[in-house]
N, C-alpha and C. Protein backbone atom coordinates (compact mmCIF):
# COMPACT_ATOMS: atom_id res chain seq x y z
N MET A 1 18.07 16.96 11.61
CA MET A 1 19.26 17.76 10.75
C MET A 1 18.63 17.86 9.71
N ARG A 2 17.93 17.16 8.79
CA ARG A 2 17.29 17.05 7.01
C ARG A 2 16.96 18.23 7.04
N THR A 3 16.18 18.80 8.05
CA THR A 3 15.08 19.73 7.89
C THR A 3 16.36 20.80 7.88
N ARG A 4 17.04 21.30 8.83
CA ARG A 4 17.92 22.43 9.04
C ARG A 4 19.06 22.59 7.39
N MET A 5 19.16 21.81 6.56
CA MET A 5 20.32 22.07 5.51
C MET A 5 18.91 22.78 4.66
N ILE A 6 17.84 21.77 4.73
CA ILE A 6 16.36 22.47 3.08
C ILE A 6 16.52 23.92 4.19
N ARG A 7 16.61 24.57 4.99
CA ARG A 7 16.46 25.61 5.52
C ARG A 7 17.74 26.61 4.74
N ILE A 8 18.12 25.80 5.76
CA ILE A 8 19.78 26.65 4.81
C ILE A 8 20.13 26.62 2.96
N ASN A 9 19.41 25.58 2.81
CA ASN A 9 19.64 25.70 1.13
C ASN A 9 18.37 26.46 0.48
N ASP A 10 17.70 26.63 1.24
CA ASP A 10 16.58 27.43 1.07
C ASP A 10 16.93 28.88 1.25
N GLU A 11 17.31 29.30 2.35
CA GLU A 11 17.72 30.72 2.60
C GLU A 11 19.12 31.42 1.29
N ILE A 12 19.99 30.17 1.30
CA ILE A 12 21.16 30.64 0.53
C ILE A 12 20.85 30.59 -0.72
N ALA A 13 19.74 30.12 -1.11
CA ALA A 13 19.16 30.83 -2.88
C ALA A 13 18.73 31.70 -2.67
N ARG A 14 17.63 32.52 -1.94
CA ARG A 14 16.99 33.49 -1.48
C ARG A 14 17.94 34.37 -1.59
N VAL A 15 19.25 34.17 -0.56
CA VAL A 15 19.99 35.30 -0.62
C VAL A 15 20.89 35.93 -1.67
N THR A 16 21.42 34.83 -2.46
CA THR A 16 22.03 34.57 -3.63
C THR A 16 21.75 35.30 -4.32
N ALA A 17 19.97 35.12 -4.71
CA ALA A 17 19.26 35.34 -5.97
C ALA A 17 19.32 36.58 -5.80
N GLY A 18 19.00 37.56 -4.40
CA GLY A 18 18.79 38.78 -4.32
C GLY A 18 20.34 39.76 -4.38
N VAL A 19 21.23 38.94 -4.02
CA VAL A 19 22.67 39.96 -4.72
C VAL A 19 22.78 40.03 -6.06
N ILE A 20 22.24 38.36 -6.13
CA ILE A 20 22.90 38.76 -7.99
C ILE A 20 21.66 40.00 -8.61
N ARG A 21 20.81 40.05 -8.24
CA ARG A 21 19.43 41.25 -9.19
C ARG A 21 19.91 42.07 -8.34
N SER A 22 20.26 42.74 -7.29
CA SER A 22 20.80 43.74 -7.06
C SER A 22 21.93 44.62 -6.60
N GLU A 23 23.03 43.07 -6.15
CA GLU A 23 24.25 43.76 -6.40
C GLU A 23 25.06 43.99 -6.72
N MET A 24 25.32 43.27 -7.85
CA MET A 24 25.81 42.73 -8.78
C MET A 24 25.87 43.97 -10.34
N SER A 25 27.00 44.29 -10.26
CA SER A 25 27.45 45.45 -11.54
C SER A 25 27.16 44.59 -12.97
N ASP A 26 27.74 43.61 -12.70
CA ASP A 26 28.14 42.78 -13.88
C ASP A 26 27.23 43.71 -15.21
N PRO A 27 27.22 43.59 -16.00
CA PRO A 27 25.74 43.73 -17.28
C PRO A 27 25.29 42.32 -18.06
N ARG A 28 26.66 41.58 -17.87
CA ARG A 28 25.97 39.86 -18.33
C ARG A 28 25.12 39.21 -17.60
N VAL A 29 25.02 39.70 -15.98
CA VAL A 29 24.48 38.61 -15.57
C VAL A 29 22.87 39.22 -15.32
N GLY A 30 22.52 40.53 -15.03
CA GLY A 30 21.60 41.51 -14.49
C GLY A 30 20.31 40.55 -14.36
N SER A 31 19.51 40.76 -15.35
CA SER A 31 17.99 39.66 -15.15
C SER A 31 17.86 38.45 -16.38
N VAL A 32 18.73 38.10 -16.43
CA VAL A 32 19.06 37.13 -17.41
C VAL A 32 19.05 35.62 -16.47
N VAL A 33 19.69 36.11 -15.10
CA VAL A 33 19.58 34.61 -14.45
C VAL A 33 18.73 34.53 -13.02
N SER A 34 18.45 33.68 -12.73
CA SER A 34 17.76 32.73 -11.73
C SER A 34 18.34 32.03 -11.17
N VAL A 35 17.86 32.28 -9.86
CA VAL A 35 18.37 31.22 -8.71
C VAL A 35 17.65 30.03 -9.15
N LEU A 36 17.80 28.06 -8.98
CA LEU A 36 17.19 27.87 -8.96
C LEU A 36 16.68 26.77 -7.58
N ARG A 37 17.81 26.57 -7.39
CA ARG A 37 17.91 25.67 -5.82
C ARG A 37 19.63 26.00 -5.58
N ALA A 38 19.82 25.25 -4.22
CA ALA A 38 20.86 26.04 -3.80
C ALA A 38 21.26 24.43 -2.78
N GLU A 39 22.42 23.45 -2.96
CA GLU A 39 22.70 22.30 -2.23
C GLU A 39 24.22 22.57 -2.28
N THR A 40 23.95 21.92 -0.41
CA THR A 40 25.10 22.22 0.66
C THR A 40 25.57 20.99 0.91
N THR A 41 26.81 20.92 1.40
CA THR A 41 27.35 19.64 1.77
C THR A 41 26.78 19.42 3.39
N ASN A 42 27.03 18.33 4.04
CA ASN A 42 26.45 19.06 5.37
C ASN A 42 27.63 19.40 6.68
N ASP A 43 28.84 19.32 5.82
CA ASP A 43 30.13 20.19 6.71
C ASP A 43 29.96 21.54 6.28
N LEU A 44 28.79 21.96 5.23
CA LEU A 44 28.42 23.59 5.39
C LEU A 44 30.08 24.20 4.36
N LYS A 45 30.88 22.73 3.84
CA LYS A 45 31.96 23.43 2.89
C LYS A 45 31.99 24.03 1.78
N HIS A 46 31.08 23.46 0.93
CA HIS A 46 30.58 23.61 -0.58
C HIS A 46 29.18 24.05 -0.69
N CYS A 47 28.80 24.43 -1.43
CA CYS A 47 27.40 24.77 -1.88
C CYS A 47 27.22 25.28 -3.26
N LYS A 48 26.82 23.91 -4.11
CA LYS A 48 26.20 24.56 -5.26
C LYS A 48 25.01 25.19 -5.56
N VAL A 49 25.17 26.22 -6.30
CA VAL A 49 23.97 27.07 -6.50
C VAL A 49 23.46 26.49 -8.04
N PHE A 50 22.41 26.36 -8.15
CA PHE A 50 21.54 26.14 -9.63
C PHE A 50 21.57 26.97 -9.90
N VAL A 51 21.55 27.55 -11.61
CA VAL A 51 21.04 28.92 -12.24
C VAL A 51 20.69 28.56 -13.23
N SER A 52 19.40 29.21 -13.45
CA SER A 52 18.64 29.35 -15.03
C SER A 52 19.07 30.73 -16.19
N VAL A 53 19.52 30.14 -17.25
CA VAL A 53 20.14 31.49 -17.82
C VAL A 53 19.34 31.77 -19.22
N LEU A 54 18.64 32.83 -19.24
CA LEU A 54 18.05 33.17 -20.28
C LEU A 54 18.82 33.51 -21.38
N GLY A 55 18.31 33.61 -22.77
CA GLY A 55 19.63 33.72 -24.02
C GLY A 55 20.03 32.87 -24.33
N ASP A 56 20.53 32.77 -25.63
CA ASP A 56 21.43 32.10 -26.22
C ASP A 56 22.75 31.19 -25.93
N GLY A 57 23.09 30.23 -26.42
CA GLY A 57 24.45 29.66 -25.93
C GLY A 57 25.75 30.67 -25.36
N ALA A 58 25.77 31.63 -26.25
CA ALA A 58 26.65 32.29 -26.24
C ALA A 58 26.15 33.64 -24.09
N GLN A 59 25.63 34.13 -24.50
CA GLN A 59 24.49 34.96 -23.45
C GLN A 59 24.97 33.86 -22.21
N GLN A 60 24.76 32.89 -22.14
CA GLN A 60 24.84 31.68 -21.02
C GLN A 60 26.36 31.24 -20.73
N LYS A 61 26.81 31.66 -21.75
CA LYS A 61 28.52 30.98 -20.97
C LYS A 61 28.75 32.49 -20.74
N ASP A 62 28.68 33.71 -21.23
CA ASP A 62 29.14 35.01 -20.32
C ASP A 62 28.38 35.30 -19.09
N ALA A 63 27.20 34.79 -18.99
CA ALA A 63 26.60 34.88 -17.32
C ALA A 63 27.28 33.60 -16.17
N MET A 64 27.57 32.57 -17.22
CA MET A 64 28.13 32.48 -16.29
C MET A 64 29.62 32.53 -15.49
N VAL A 65 30.77 32.85 -16.78
CA VAL A 65 31.75 33.39 -16.53
C VAL A 65 31.73 34.35 -15.42
N ALA A 66 30.43 35.32 -15.52
CA ALA A 66 30.63 36.43 -14.70
C ALA A 66 29.92 35.54 -13.55
N LEU A 67 29.56 35.30 -13.29
CA LEU A 67 28.95 34.59 -12.23
C LEU A 67 30.25 33.63 -11.38
N GLU A 68 30.93 32.62 -12.14
CA GLU A 68 32.36 32.54 -11.48
C GLU A 68 33.08 33.16 -10.87
N LYS A 69 33.55 34.71 -11.53
CA LYS A 69 34.68 35.80 -10.98
C LYS A 69 33.82 36.40 -10.35
N ALA A 70 32.46 36.22 -9.72
CA ALA A 70 31.90 37.08 -8.89
C ALA A 70 31.19 36.16 -7.54
N ALA A 71 31.75 34.60 -7.74
CA ALA A 71 31.68 33.72 -6.56
C ALA A 71 31.92 34.07 -4.63
N GLY A 72 33.13 34.89 -5.30
CA GLY A 72 33.59 35.40 -3.73
C GLY A 72 32.90 36.24 -3.26
N PHE A 73 32.52 37.19 -4.37
CA PHE A 73 31.26 38.24 -3.17
C PHE A 73 30.44 38.04 -2.58
N VAL A 74 29.47 36.86 -3.51
CA VAL A 74 28.79 36.72 -3.51
C VAL A 74 28.31 36.05 -1.96
N ARG A 75 29.93 35.32 -2.36
CA ARG A 75 29.99 34.60 -0.76
C ARG A 75 30.16 35.28 0.43
N LYS A 76 30.76 36.17 0.16
CA LYS A 76 30.64 37.67 1.03
C LYS A 76 29.74 37.92 1.79
N ARG A 77 28.57 38.08 0.62
CA ARG A 77 27.60 38.74 1.04
C ARG A 77 26.60 38.30 1.55
N VAL A 78 26.74 36.68 1.32
CA VAL A 78 25.98 35.39 2.01
C VAL A 78 26.28 35.48 3.47
N ALA A 79 27.25 35.44 3.68
CA ALA A 79 27.96 35.28 4.58
C ALA A 79 27.44 36.54 5.96
N GLU A 80 27.25 37.86 5.47
CA GLU A 80 27.32 38.99 6.81
C GLU A 80 25.50 38.73 6.26
N ILE A 81 24.99 38.20 5.17
CA ILE A 81 23.51 38.51 5.43
C ILE A 81 23.27 36.99 6.49
N ILE A 82 23.55 35.57 6.03
CA ILE A 82 22.84 35.04 6.81
C ILE A 82 24.01 34.62 7.47
N ASP A 83 23.60 34.28 9.31
CA ASP A 83 24.31 33.76 9.94
C ASP A 83 24.31 32.34 10.23
N LEU A 84 25.73 31.77 9.87
CA LEU A 84 26.13 30.44 9.51
C LEU A 84 27.34 30.30 10.45
N ARG A 85 27.40 28.86 11.24
CA ARG A 85 29.01 29.14 11.83
C ARG A 85 30.08 29.09 10.98
N GLN A 86 29.77 28.76 9.53
CA GLN A 86 30.88 28.86 8.28
C GLN A 86 29.71 28.80 7.03
N THR A 87 30.67 29.66 5.91
CA THR A 87 29.91 29.88 4.84
C THR A 87 30.09 29.48 3.92
N PRO A 88 29.50 28.64 3.25
CA PRO A 88 30.59 27.55 1.94
C PRO A 88 30.74 28.36 0.84
N GLU A 89 31.71 27.39 0.34
CA GLU A 89 32.67 28.60 -1.13
C GLU A 89 31.32 27.30 -1.83
N ILE A 90 30.73 29.16 -2.84
CA ILE A 90 29.86 28.67 -3.75
C ILE A 90 30.09 28.38 -5.17
N LYS A 91 29.88 27.20 -5.67
CA LYS A 91 30.00 27.17 -7.03
C LYS A 91 29.09 27.33 -8.13
N PHE A 92 28.64 27.95 -9.01
CA PHE A 92 27.67 28.38 -9.77
C PHE A 92 27.38 26.99 -10.53
N VAL A 93 26.53 26.67 -10.98
CA VAL A 93 26.02 25.25 -11.87
C VAL A 93 24.57 25.61 -13.09
N PHE A 94 24.80 25.71 -14.06
CA PHE A 94 24.23 25.98 -14.83
C PHE A 94 23.29 24.76 -15.36
N ASP A 95 21.97 24.75 -15.46
CA ASP A 95 20.48 23.74 -15.02
C ASP A 95 19.76 24.22 -16.19
N ASP A 96 19.54 23.76 -17.27
CA ASP A 96 19.02 24.12 -18.18
C ASP A 96 17.60 23.38 -17.96
N SER A 97 17.28 22.72 -17.51
CA SER A 97 15.82 22.23 -16.76
C SER A 97 14.49 23.21 -17.40
N ILE A 98 14.72 24.53 -17.04
CA ILE A 98 13.51 25.07 -17.14
C ILE A 98 13.78 25.48 -18.92
N GLU A 99 14.35 25.47 -19.58
CA GLU A 99 14.86 25.32 -20.78
C GLU A 99 13.99 24.32 -21.35
N HIS A 100 14.85 22.98 -20.96
CA HIS A 100 14.56 21.34 -21.28
C HIS A 100 13.02 21.49 -21.35
N GLY A 101 12.39 21.93 -19.68
CA GLY A 101 11.21 21.99 -19.80
C GLY A 101 9.57 22.51 -21.17
N MET A 102 10.17 23.74 -21.52
CA MET A 102 9.76 24.15 -22.04
C MET A 102 9.40 23.82 -23.27
N ARG A 103 10.72 23.33 -23.77
CA ARG A 103 11.10 22.84 -25.45
C ARG A 103 9.87 21.04 -25.40
N MET A 104 10.13 20.59 -24.17
CA MET A 104 9.01 19.64 -23.54
C MET A 104 7.66 19.52 -24.39
N ARG A 105 6.92 21.09 -23.76
CA ARG A 105 5.34 21.41 -23.69
C ARG A 105 5.20 22.08 -24.63
N LYS A 106 6.30 22.83 -25.78
CA LYS A 106 6.13 23.04 -26.86
C LYS A 106 5.68 21.69 -28.25
N LEU A 107 6.81 20.91 -27.94
CA LEU A 107 6.99 19.41 -28.52
C LEU A 107 5.23 18.14 -28.64
N ILE A 108 4.42 18.52 -27.32
CA ILE A 108 3.61 18.35 -26.62
C ILE A 108 2.64 19.12 -27.40
N GLU A 109 2.65 20.20 -27.00
CA GLU A 109 1.24 21.50 -28.07
C GLU A 109 1.48 20.80 -29.34
N GLU A 110 2.77 20.73 -30.02
CA GLU A 110 2.67 20.25 -31.40
C GLU A 110 1.75 19.10 -31.93
N VAL A 111 2.49 17.73 -31.20
CA VAL A 111 1.93 16.59 -30.88
C VAL A 111 0.31 16.96 -30.77
N ASN A 112 -0.40 17.99 -30.31
CA ASN A 112 -1.57 17.71 -29.75
C ASN A 112 -2.20 18.40 -30.96
N THR A 113 -2.07 19.42 -31.09
CA THR A 113 -2.73 20.02 -32.12
C THR A 113 -2.35 19.98 -33.81
N THR A 114 -1.49 18.38 -34.19
CA THR A 114 -1.64 17.52 -35.24
C THR A 114 -2.69 16.23 -35.06
N ASN A 115 -3.02 15.95 -33.91
CA ASN A 115 -3.94 14.87 -33.83
C ASN A 115 -5.12 15.61 -33.25
N SER A 116 -5.40 16.52 -33.37
CA SER A 116 -6.46 16.97 -32.90
C SER A 116 -7.28 17.47 -34.28
N ASN A 117 -6.02 17.85 -35.58
CA ASN A 117 -6.74 17.89 -37.06
C ASN A 117 -6.78 16.19 -37.53
C-alpha cells in the first residue's frame, strides 16, 4: 500500500507540473512555479501539492493566488490524465525549502571565505 501511495504522489506531482507549465495561461504562474512534491491522503480525497515560487514576496503571493484559483482546472486535468478511482481535491502549499537552502549555502560560503583569509 505504501509503495502505491508513493507512485500516486509522484504521478500527481509530475502531471500537475506539466499542467502548470504547459496548459495554464495565467502570466502570474508561468515558469516561476516548480512542483516539489505531492502528499495525498490514504482515502485519495485530498492532496497537498508543494510548490516553490521564484521571485519576491509579491510575485510569490500572486502566483499562489493564481494556483488556488486554478486548482479546479488542475484537478480536472489530473483526472483526465491519471486513471484513479477518485481524484483528490488539490490544495497548493507554498514551500520555501529551496530558498532556505540557498540562503544557508550562501551563509556557509561566507563563513568559509572569512575563515580561509
